Amino acid sequence: MQRLALPIASLALFAVAGCATAYEDSSDQVGSATLSDRSGNDVGMARLYAQDGEVTVSVDFTGLSAGTHAVHLHMTGDCSAPDFTSAGGHLNPSGNEHGTLNPQGAHLGDLPNVEISTAGMGTMSHTLSGQSTMVLPQIFDADGTALVVHEGADDYRTDPAGAAGSRVACGVFSRM
């Protein structure tokens, strides 16, 4: 039975990675980031799509620990520090407080939590606030932008980072 677990998990990963939403099929991919964990293992792929003046972040995760994890856009495209603190704080060009439930929020970089299965897989997709003509220059500015996964869930209100815990994965967006 255990010999079947790896092939089945591989097929499931292939099926998830091969799925594209109708939005993704009809929009332009404008950027991507490969996510790595602290050991350097690839644990996901983030893609940026633009359509009708909107920007959507879509992420496929593989190999993360099971449970709920916060996902954020961080203001510096640098994942070189072992704890990913080189990515800086959340992408927040408007100077808001953190969290979609915070009356003074939210950051541009505040994204929904992702639920990772016991097989280490999950997906999330979120349309960013603002028009693409304003959002994309923030993401692709001189120092870039990173997508960071945290060890715990975001509470969507605690400033500055949602009490989500340490950073467990990071990837830097590059323009397509």
N, C-alpha and C. Protein backbone atom coordinates (compact mmCIF):
# COMPACT_ATOMS: atom_id res chain seq x y z
N MET A 1 0.82 -1.19 0.00
CA MET A 1 0.00 0.00 0.00
C MET A 1 0.87 1.26 0.00
N GLN A 2 1.96 1.23 0.77
CA GLN A 2 2.81 2.40 0.87
C GLN A 2 3.48 2.70 -0.48
N ARG A 3 3.73 1.67 -1.30
CA ARG A 3 4.34 1.89 -2.61
C ARG A 3 3.42 2.69 -3.53
N LEU A 4 2.13 2.65 -3.30
CA LEU A 4 1.18 3.40 -4.12
C LEU A 4 1.08 4.86 -3.71
N ALA A 5 1.48 5.19 -2.49
CA ALA A 5 1.31 6.56 -1.99
C ALA A 5 2.06 7.58 -2.83
N LEU A 6 3.30 7.32 -3.17
CA LEU A 6 4.09 8.28 -3.94
C LEU A 6 3.52 8.48 -5.35
N PRO A 7 3.21 7.40 -6.10
CA PRO A 7 2.63 7.63 -7.43
C PRO A 7 1.28 8.36 -7.37
N ILE A 8 0.47 8.05 -6.38
CA ILE A 8 -0.83 8.72 -6.26
C ILE A 8 -0.63 10.19 -5.94
N ALA A 9 0.29 10.49 -5.03
CA ALA A 9 0.59 11.89 -4.69
C ALA A 9 1.13 12.63 -5.90
N SER A 10 1.96 11.96 -6.69
CA SER A 10 2.51 12.59 -7.89
C SER A 10 1.41 12.89 -8.91
N LEU A 11 0.47 11.95 -9.07
CA LEU A 11 -0.65 12.20 -9.97
C LEU A 11 -1.52 13.34 -9.49
N ALA A 12 -1.74 13.41 -8.19
CA ALA A 12 -2.55 14.50 -7.63
C ALA A 12 -1.86 15.83 -7.87
N LEU A 13 -0.55 15.88 -7.67
CA LEU A 13 0.21 17.10 -7.91
C LEU A 13 0.10 17.50 -9.38
N PHE A 14 0.24 16.55 -10.27
CA PHE A 14 0.13 16.83 -11.70
C PHE A 14 -1.25 17.37 -12.03
N ALA A 15 -2.28 16.79 -11.44
CA ALA A 15 -3.65 17.23 -11.70
C ALA A 15 -3.87 18.66 -11.21
N VAL A 16 -3.38 18.97 -10.01
CA VAL A 16 -3.54 20.32 -9.48
C VAL A 16 -2.76 21.31 -10.31
N ALA A 17 -1.51 21.00 -10.65
CA ALA A 17 -0.66 21.91 -11.41
C ALA A 17 -1.20 22.14 -12.81
N GLY A 18 -1.91 21.17 -13.36
CA GLY A 18 -2.43 21.29 -14.70
C GLY A 18 -3.75 22.02 -14.79
N CYS A 19 -4.40 22.32 -13.68
CA CYS A 19 -5.69 22.98 -13.69
C CYS A 19 -5.50 24.48 -13.89
N ALA A 20 -6.27 25.03 -14.77
CA ALA A 20 -6.27 26.48 -14.97
C ALA A 20 -7.71 26.95 -14.90
N THR A 21 -7.91 28.07 -14.26
CA THR A 21 -9.25 28.62 -14.18
C THR A 21 -9.58 29.29 -15.50
N ALA A 22 -10.87 29.56 -15.71
CA ALA A 22 -11.28 30.27 -16.92
C ALA A 22 -10.61 31.63 -16.99
N TYR A 23 -10.43 32.26 -15.83
CA TYR A 23 -9.77 33.56 -15.77
C TYR A 23 -8.34 33.44 -16.31
N GLU A 24 -7.61 32.43 -15.84
CA GLU A 24 -6.23 32.26 -16.27
C GLU A 24 -6.14 31.95 -17.76
N ASP A 25 -7.11 31.21 -18.29
CA ASP A 25 -7.10 30.88 -19.70
C ASP A 25 -7.33 32.10 -20.58
N SER A 26 -8.09 33.09 -20.08
CA SER A 26 -8.45 34.24 -20.91
C SER A 26 -7.67 35.50 -20.58
N SER A 27 -6.66 35.41 -19.72
CA SER A 27 -5.91 36.60 -19.33
C SER A 27 -4.43 36.43 -19.67
N ASP A 28 -3.69 37.52 -19.52
CA ASP A 28 -2.26 37.50 -19.80
C ASP A 28 -1.48 37.26 -18.52
N GLN A 29 -0.58 36.27 -18.55
CA GLN A 29 0.32 36.08 -17.43
C GLN A 29 1.40 37.14 -17.54
N VAL A 30 1.56 37.93 -16.47
CA VAL A 30 2.52 39.04 -16.49
C VAL A 30 3.72 38.81 -15.58
N GLY A 31 3.66 37.79 -14.72
CA GLY A 31 4.78 37.52 -13.83
C GLY A 31 4.66 36.17 -13.17
N SER A 32 5.76 35.73 -12.57
CA SER A 32 5.75 34.46 -11.85
C SER A 32 6.86 34.45 -10.80
N ALA A 33 6.70 33.56 -9.83
CA ALA A 33 7.70 33.38 -8.78
C ALA A 33 7.70 31.92 -8.37
N THR A 34 8.87 31.32 -8.31
CA THR A 34 9.02 29.98 -7.76
C THR A 34 9.26 30.12 -6.27
N LEU A 35 8.46 29.43 -5.46
CA LEU A 35 8.58 29.50 -4.01
C LEU A 35 9.48 28.39 -3.50
N SER A 36 10.37 28.75 -2.57
CA SER A 36 11.26 27.78 -1.95
C SER A 36 11.12 27.86 -0.44
N ASP A 37 11.32 26.72 0.23
CA ASP A 37 11.29 26.72 1.69
C ASP A 37 12.69 27.03 2.22
N ARG A 38 12.86 26.99 3.52
CA ARG A 38 14.15 27.35 4.14
C ARG A 38 15.28 26.40 3.78
N SER A 39 14.93 25.19 3.33
CA SER A 39 15.94 24.23 2.91
C SER A 39 16.26 24.33 1.42
N GLY A 40 15.60 25.24 0.73
CA GLY A 40 15.84 25.42 -0.70
C GLY A 40 14.98 24.54 -1.59
N ASN A 41 14.04 23.81 -1.02
CA ASN A 41 13.15 22.96 -1.80
C ASN A 41 12.05 23.80 -2.45
N ASP A 42 11.73 23.51 -3.72
CA ASP A 42 10.62 24.17 -4.38
C ASP A 42 9.32 23.71 -3.73
N VAL A 43 8.50 24.69 -3.30
CA VAL A 43 7.24 24.35 -2.63
C VAL A 43 6.04 25.06 -3.26
N GLY A 44 6.23 25.67 -4.41
CA GLY A 44 5.09 26.29 -5.05
C GLY A 44 5.47 27.18 -6.21
N MET A 45 4.43 27.58 -6.94
CA MET A 45 4.58 28.50 -8.07
C MET A 45 3.47 29.53 -8.00
N ALA A 46 3.88 30.79 -7.99
CA ALA A 46 2.93 31.91 -7.99
C ALA A 46 2.93 32.54 -9.38
N ARG A 47 1.75 32.92 -9.83
CA ARG A 47 1.62 33.56 -11.14
C ARG A 47 0.78 34.82 -10.99
N LEU A 48 1.14 35.85 -11.73
CA LEU A 48 0.36 37.08 -11.79
C LEU A 48 -0.31 37.15 -13.15
N TYR A 49 -1.61 37.43 -13.14
CA TYR A 49 -2.39 37.55 -14.37
C TYR A 49 -3.02 38.93 -14.42
N ALA A 50 -3.09 39.51 -15.61
CA ALA A 50 -3.75 40.80 -15.79
C ALA A 50 -4.87 40.64 -16.82
N GLN A 51 -6.01 41.24 -16.47
CA GLN A 51 -7.15 41.23 -17.38
C GLN A 51 -8.10 42.34 -16.99
N ASP A 52 -8.57 43.08 -17.96
CA ASP A 52 -9.57 44.13 -17.74
C ASP A 52 -9.19 45.08 -16.61
N GLY A 53 -7.91 45.44 -16.52
CA GLY A 53 -7.46 46.40 -15.52
C GLY A 53 -7.25 45.83 -14.14
N GLU A 54 -7.41 44.51 -13.97
CA GLU A 54 -7.20 43.86 -12.66
C GLU A 54 -5.97 42.97 -12.70
N VAL A 55 -5.40 42.75 -11.51
CA VAL A 55 -4.27 41.83 -11.37
C VAL A 55 -4.68 40.75 -10.37
N THR A 56 -4.50 39.50 -10.75
CA THR A 56 -4.82 38.36 -9.89
C THR A 56 -3.55 37.58 -9.61
N VAL A 57 -3.39 37.21 -8.33
CA VAL A 57 -2.30 36.33 -7.90
C VAL A 57 -2.89 34.93 -7.77
N SER A 58 -2.28 33.96 -8.40
CA SER A 58 -2.73 32.57 -8.33
C SER A 58 -1.52 31.72 -7.94
N VAL A 59 -1.67 30.88 -6.90
CA VAL A 59 -0.54 30.12 -6.38
C VAL A 59 -0.92 28.65 -6.20
N ASP A 60 -0.04 27.77 -6.66
CA ASP A 60 -0.12 26.33 -6.41
C ASP A 60 0.99 25.98 -5.43
N PHE A 61 0.63 25.35 -4.33
CA PHE A 61 1.59 24.97 -3.29
C PHE A 61 1.77 23.46 -3.27
N THR A 62 3.01 23.03 -3.05
CA THR A 62 3.33 21.61 -2.89
C THR A 62 4.43 21.48 -1.85
N GLY A 63 4.30 20.53 -0.96
CA GLY A 63 5.38 20.26 -0.02
C GLY A 63 5.41 21.14 1.21
N LEU A 64 4.35 21.90 1.50
CA LEU A 64 4.29 22.67 2.74
C LEU A 64 3.66 21.82 3.84
N SER A 65 3.85 22.22 5.08
CA SER A 65 3.23 21.49 6.19
C SER A 65 1.71 21.71 6.15
N ALA A 66 0.99 20.69 6.56
CA ALA A 66 -0.47 20.76 6.57
C ALA A 66 -0.95 21.84 7.52
N GLY A 67 -2.07 22.46 7.16
CA GLY A 67 -2.67 23.46 8.02
C GLY A 67 -2.90 24.76 7.28
N THR A 68 -3.26 25.78 8.03
CA THR A 68 -3.56 27.09 7.46
C THR A 68 -2.33 27.98 7.53
N HIS A 69 -1.99 28.59 6.41
CA HIS A 69 -0.81 29.45 6.32
C HIS A 69 -1.20 30.81 5.75
N ALA A 70 -0.61 31.87 6.30
CA ALA A 70 -0.76 33.21 5.76
C ALA A 70 0.10 33.34 4.51
N VAL A 71 -0.40 34.12 3.55
CA VAL A 71 0.33 34.40 2.32
C VAL A 71 0.29 35.91 2.12
N HIS A 72 1.45 36.51 1.86
CA HIS A 72 1.53 37.96 1.68
C HIS A 72 2.49 38.32 0.57
N LEU A 73 2.25 39.47 -0.04
CA LEU A 73 3.24 40.08 -0.92
C LEU A 73 4.11 40.96 -0.05
N HIS A 74 5.43 40.81 -0.16
CA HIS A 74 6.36 41.60 0.63
C HIS A 74 7.09 42.59 -0.27
N MET A 75 7.51 43.72 0.30
CA MET A 75 7.94 44.88 -0.46
C MET A 75 9.30 44.77 -1.15
N THR A 76 10.09 43.76 -0.83
CA THR A 76 11.41 43.63 -1.45
C THR A 76 11.55 42.25 -2.08
N GLY A 77 11.95 42.21 -3.31
CA GLY A 77 12.15 40.95 -4.02
C GLY A 77 13.49 40.34 -3.66
N ASP A 78 13.61 39.88 -2.40
CA ASP A 78 14.87 39.31 -1.92
C ASP A 78 14.55 38.23 -0.90
N CYS A 79 14.86 36.99 -1.23
CA CYS A 79 14.62 35.85 -0.34
C CYS A 79 15.94 35.27 0.16
N SER A 80 17.00 36.07 0.19
CA SER A 80 18.34 35.55 0.48
C SER A 80 18.59 35.24 1.96
N ALA A 81 17.91 35.90 2.88
CA ALA A 81 18.12 35.63 4.30
C ALA A 81 17.53 34.26 4.65
N PRO A 82 18.18 33.49 5.52
CA PRO A 82 17.68 32.16 5.86
C PRO A 82 16.25 32.16 6.41
N ASP A 83 15.84 33.26 7.04
CA ASP A 83 14.48 33.35 7.58
C ASP A 83 13.59 34.23 6.71
N PHE A 84 14.07 34.60 5.53
CA PHE A 84 13.35 35.40 4.53
C PHE A 84 13.02 36.82 4.98
N THR A 85 13.65 37.31 6.04
CA THR A 85 13.41 38.69 6.47
C THR A 85 13.94 39.70 5.47
N SER A 86 14.79 39.27 4.56
CA SER A 86 15.30 40.15 3.51
C SER A 86 14.19 40.62 2.58
N ALA A 87 13.02 39.99 2.63
CA ALA A 87 11.88 40.40 1.81
C ALA A 87 11.18 41.63 2.39
N GLY A 88 11.60 42.07 3.57
CA GLY A 88 11.01 43.26 4.18
C GLY A 88 9.59 43.03 4.65
N GLY A 89 8.89 44.14 4.88
CA GLY A 89 7.50 44.08 5.33
C GLY A 89 6.55 43.88 4.17
N HIS A 90 5.27 43.94 4.48
CA HIS A 90 4.25 43.76 3.45
C HIS A 90 4.28 44.88 2.43
N LEU A 91 3.92 44.55 1.21
CA LEU A 91 3.79 45.55 0.16
C LEU A 91 2.64 46.47 0.56
N ASN A 92 2.95 47.75 0.82
CA ASN A 92 1.98 48.65 1.41
C ASN A 92 2.21 50.09 0.92
N PRO A 93 2.05 50.32 -0.39
CA PRO A 93 2.35 51.66 -0.91
C PRO A 93 1.42 52.76 -0.39
N SER A 94 0.24 52.40 0.10
CA SER A 94 -0.71 53.41 0.59
C SER A 94 -0.54 53.72 2.07
N GLY A 95 0.34 52.99 2.77
CA GLY A 95 0.58 53.23 4.19
C GLY A 95 -0.59 52.83 5.09
N ASN A 96 -1.37 51.84 4.68
CA ASN A 96 -2.48 51.35 5.49
C ASN A 96 -1.99 50.46 6.61
N GLU A 97 -2.89 50.15 7.56
CA GLU A 97 -2.59 49.13 8.55
C GLU A 97 -2.87 47.77 7.93
N HIS A 98 -2.48 46.71 8.64
CA HIS A 98 -2.63 45.37 8.10
C HIS A 98 -4.03 44.83 8.32
N GLY A 99 -4.50 44.09 7.35
CA GLY A 99 -5.65 43.23 7.54
C GLY A 99 -6.94 43.67 6.88
N THR A 100 -7.56 42.72 6.21
CA THR A 100 -8.83 42.98 5.55
C THR A 100 -9.96 43.19 6.55
N LEU A 101 -9.79 42.78 7.82
CA LEU A 101 -10.80 43.03 8.86
C LEU A 101 -10.45 44.24 9.71
N ASN A 102 -9.34 44.89 9.43
CA ASN A 102 -8.91 46.07 10.16
C ASN A 102 -9.54 47.30 9.50
N PRO A 103 -10.26 48.14 10.24
CA PRO A 103 -10.87 49.32 9.63
C PRO A 103 -9.86 50.25 8.95
N GLN A 104 -8.59 50.22 9.36
CA GLN A 104 -7.55 51.03 8.73
C GLN A 104 -6.76 50.24 7.69
N GLY A 105 -7.18 49.00 7.38
CA GLY A 105 -6.47 48.15 6.43
C GLY A 105 -7.05 48.32 5.05
N ALA A 106 -6.54 47.65 4.14
CA ALA A 106 -5.53 46.61 4.20
C ALA A 106 -4.33 47.01 3.34
N HIS A 107 -3.23 46.29 3.54
CA HIS A 107 -2.06 46.44 2.68
C HIS A 107 -2.39 45.88 1.29
N LEU A 108 -1.71 46.37 0.28
CA LEU A 108 -1.81 45.77 -1.05
C LEU A 108 -1.36 44.31 -0.97
N GLY A 109 -0.40 44.02 -0.09
CA GLY A 109 0.16 42.68 0.02
C GLY A 109 -0.64 41.71 0.87
N ASP A 110 -1.77 42.13 1.43
CA ASP A 110 -2.59 41.23 2.26
C ASP A 110 -3.37 40.28 1.35
N LEU A 111 -3.06 39.01 1.44
CA LEU A 111 -3.70 37.97 0.64
C LEU A 111 -4.44 37.01 1.56
N PRO A 112 -5.35 36.20 1.02
CA PRO A 112 -6.06 35.22 1.87
C PRO A 112 -5.13 34.12 2.37
N ASN A 113 -5.51 33.54 3.50
CA ASN A 113 -4.84 32.34 3.99
C ASN A 113 -5.04 31.21 2.99
N VAL A 114 -4.13 30.24 3.03
CA VAL A 114 -4.27 29.04 2.20
C VAL A 114 -4.34 27.84 3.12
N GLU A 115 -5.18 26.90 2.79
CA GLU A 115 -5.30 25.65 3.53
C GLU A 115 -4.49 24.59 2.79
N ILE A 116 -3.48 24.05 3.48
CA ILE A 116 -2.61 23.03 2.88
C ILE A 116 -3.06 21.66 3.40
N SER A 117 -3.29 20.74 2.48
CA SER A 117 -3.76 19.39 2.82
C SER A 117 -2.67 18.57 3.50
N THR A 118 -3.05 17.42 4.00
CA THR A 118 -2.06 16.52 4.62
C THR A 118 -1.05 16.02 3.60
N ALA A 119 -1.39 16.10 2.31
CA ALA A 119 -0.45 15.74 1.24
C ALA A 119 0.49 16.89 0.91
N GLY A 120 0.33 18.04 1.60
CA GLY A 120 1.21 19.18 1.39
C GLY A 120 0.82 20.08 0.25
N MET A 121 -0.41 19.94 -0.26
CA MET A 121 -0.84 20.70 -1.43
C MET A 121 -1.98 21.66 -1.10
N GLY A 122 -2.03 22.75 -1.87
CA GLY A 122 -3.11 23.71 -1.75
C GLY A 122 -3.01 24.73 -2.86
N THR A 123 -4.07 25.49 -3.04
CA THR A 123 -4.10 26.55 -4.03
C THR A 123 -4.78 27.78 -3.45
N MET A 124 -4.45 28.93 -3.98
CA MET A 124 -5.17 30.15 -3.64
C MET A 124 -5.11 31.09 -4.83
N SER A 125 -6.14 31.92 -4.94
CA SER A 125 -6.20 32.91 -5.99
C SER A 125 -6.88 34.14 -5.41
N HIS A 126 -6.35 35.33 -5.75
CA HIS A 126 -6.89 36.56 -5.18
C HIS A 126 -6.67 37.72 -6.14
N THR A 127 -7.71 38.50 -6.36
CA THR A 127 -7.59 39.71 -7.17
C THR A 127 -7.16 40.85 -6.27
N LEU A 128 -6.06 41.51 -6.65
CA LEU A 128 -5.50 42.59 -5.85
C LEU A 128 -6.35 43.85 -5.97
N SER A 129 -6.35 44.67 -4.93
CA SER A 129 -7.07 45.94 -4.93
C SER A 129 -6.34 46.93 -5.81
N GLY A 130 -7.07 47.64 -6.64
CA GLY A 130 -6.48 48.67 -7.47
C GLY A 130 -6.37 48.25 -8.92
N GLN A 131 -6.21 49.22 -9.77
CA GLN A 131 -6.06 49.00 -11.20
C GLN A 131 -4.66 48.50 -11.53
N SER A 132 -4.56 47.69 -12.57
CA SER A 132 -3.27 47.13 -12.95
C SER A 132 -2.24 48.21 -13.26
N THR A 133 -2.67 49.37 -13.76
CA THR A 133 -1.73 50.45 -14.07
C THR A 133 -1.06 51.00 -12.81
N MET A 134 -1.67 50.79 -11.65
CA MET A 134 -1.08 51.21 -10.38
C MET A 134 -0.41 50.04 -9.66
N VAL A 135 -1.00 48.86 -9.74
CA VAL A 135 -0.52 47.69 -9.01
C VAL A 135 0.77 47.13 -9.60
N LEU A 136 0.81 46.94 -10.91
CA LEU A 136 1.99 46.31 -11.52
C LEU A 136 3.27 47.12 -11.32
N PRO A 137 3.24 48.46 -11.41
CA PRO A 137 4.47 49.20 -11.12
C PRO A 137 4.93 49.04 -9.66
N GLN A 138 4.02 48.80 -8.73
CA GLN A 138 4.41 48.55 -7.33
C GLN A 138 5.09 47.19 -7.20
N ILE A 139 4.58 46.20 -7.91
CA ILE A 139 5.15 44.85 -7.83
C ILE A 139 6.50 44.79 -8.54
N PHE A 140 6.58 45.42 -9.70
CA PHE A 140 7.80 45.36 -10.50
C PHE A 140 8.63 46.64 -10.39
N ASP A 141 8.71 47.19 -9.18
CA ASP A 141 9.54 48.38 -8.97
C ASP A 141 11.01 47.98 -8.92
N ALA A 142 11.88 48.92 -8.64
CA ALA A 142 13.33 48.70 -8.71
C ALA A 142 13.83 47.56 -7.83
N ASP A 143 13.23 47.37 -6.64
CA ASP A 143 13.71 46.30 -5.76
C ASP A 143 12.80 45.08 -5.77
N GLY A 144 11.79 45.05 -6.62
CA GLY A 144 10.96 43.87 -6.80
C GLY A 144 10.01 43.59 -5.64
N THR A 145 9.36 42.44 -5.73
CA THR A 145 8.38 42.01 -4.73
C THR A 145 8.52 40.51 -4.53
N ALA A 146 8.35 40.08 -3.27
CA ALA A 146 8.39 38.65 -2.95
C ALA A 146 7.01 38.20 -2.48
N LEU A 147 6.69 36.95 -2.72
CA LEU A 147 5.53 36.31 -2.12
C LEU A 147 6.07 35.45 -0.99
N VAL A 148 5.53 35.65 0.22
CA VAL A 148 6.01 34.96 1.41
C VAL A 148 4.88 34.16 2.04
N VAL A 149 5.19 32.94 2.46
CA VAL A 149 4.26 32.08 3.19
C VAL A 149 4.72 32.02 4.64
N HIS A 150 3.79 32.17 5.57
CA HIS A 150 4.09 32.15 6.99
C HIS A 150 3.67 30.82 7.61
N GLU A 151 4.22 30.53 8.80
CA GLU A 151 3.96 29.24 9.45
C GLU A 151 2.52 29.08 9.93
N GLY A 152 1.85 30.17 10.25
CA GLY A 152 0.49 30.09 10.77
C GLY A 152 -0.48 30.93 9.97
N ALA A 153 -1.70 30.98 10.45
CA ALA A 153 -2.77 31.73 9.79
C ALA A 153 -2.66 33.22 10.09
N ASP A 154 -3.12 34.02 9.16
CA ASP A 154 -3.25 35.46 9.33
C ASP A 154 -4.60 35.70 10.01
N ASP A 155 -4.60 36.55 11.05
CA ASP A 155 -5.87 36.86 11.71
C ASP A 155 -6.61 38.00 11.02
N TYR A 156 -6.05 38.55 9.97
CA TYR A 156 -6.64 39.59 9.13
C TYR A 156 -6.86 40.92 9.83
N ARG A 157 -6.24 41.13 11.01
CA ARG A 157 -6.44 42.42 11.67
C ARG A 157 -5.24 42.92 12.46
N THR A 158 -4.36 42.07 12.96
CA THR A 158 -3.24 42.53 13.77
C THR A 158 -2.17 43.17 12.89
N ASP A 159 -1.84 44.43 13.22
CA ASP A 159 -0.83 45.17 12.48
C ASP A 159 0.54 44.89 13.10
N PRO A 160 1.59 44.62 12.36
CA PRO A 160 1.71 44.80 10.92
C PRO A 160 1.58 43.52 10.10
N ALA A 161 1.50 42.33 10.72
CA ALA A 161 1.59 41.11 9.90
C ALA A 161 0.55 40.05 10.20
N GLY A 162 -0.47 40.35 10.97
CA GLY A 162 -1.54 39.38 11.18
C GLY A 162 -1.23 38.26 12.14
N ALA A 163 -0.19 38.41 12.98
CA ALA A 163 0.19 37.39 13.96
C ALA A 163 0.36 36.02 13.31
N ALA A 164 0.96 36.00 12.13
CA ALA A 164 1.05 34.77 11.33
C ALA A 164 2.30 33.94 11.60
N GLY A 165 3.21 34.41 12.41
CA GLY A 165 4.40 33.63 12.73
C GLY A 165 5.51 33.80 11.72
N SER A 166 6.51 32.94 11.84
CA SER A 166 7.71 33.07 11.03
C SER A 166 7.44 32.76 9.56
N ARG A 167 8.39 33.14 8.74
CA ARG A 167 8.30 32.94 7.30
C ARG A 167 8.88 31.58 6.93
N VAL A 168 8.11 30.78 6.18
CA VAL A 168 8.54 29.42 5.88
C VAL A 168 8.83 29.19 4.40
N ALA A 169 8.40 30.10 3.54
CA ALA A 169 8.67 29.96 2.11
C ALA A 169 8.67 31.35 1.48
N CYS A 170 9.41 31.47 0.36
CA CYS A 170 9.56 32.78 -0.27
C CYS A 170 9.88 32.59 -1.75
N GLY A 171 9.40 33.51 -2.56
CA GLY A 171 9.74 33.53 -3.99
C GLY A 171 9.68 34.96 -4.50
N VAL A 172 10.53 35.30 -5.46
CA VAL A 172 10.61 36.64 -6.02
C VAL A 172 9.93 36.66 -7.39
N PHE A 173 9.05 37.64 -7.59
CA PHE A 173 8.36 37.77 -8.86
C PHE A 173 9.29 38.31 -9.93
N SER A 174 9.19 37.72 -11.10
CA SER A 174 9.87 38.25 -12.27
C SER A 174 8.81 38.49 -13.34
N ARG A 175 9.05 39.50 -14.14
CA ARG A 175 8.10 39.88 -15.20
C ARG A 175 8.23 38.90 -16.35
N MET A 176 7.10 38.59 -16.97
CA MET A 176 7.09 37.69 -18.12
C MET A 176 7.48 38.45 -19.37
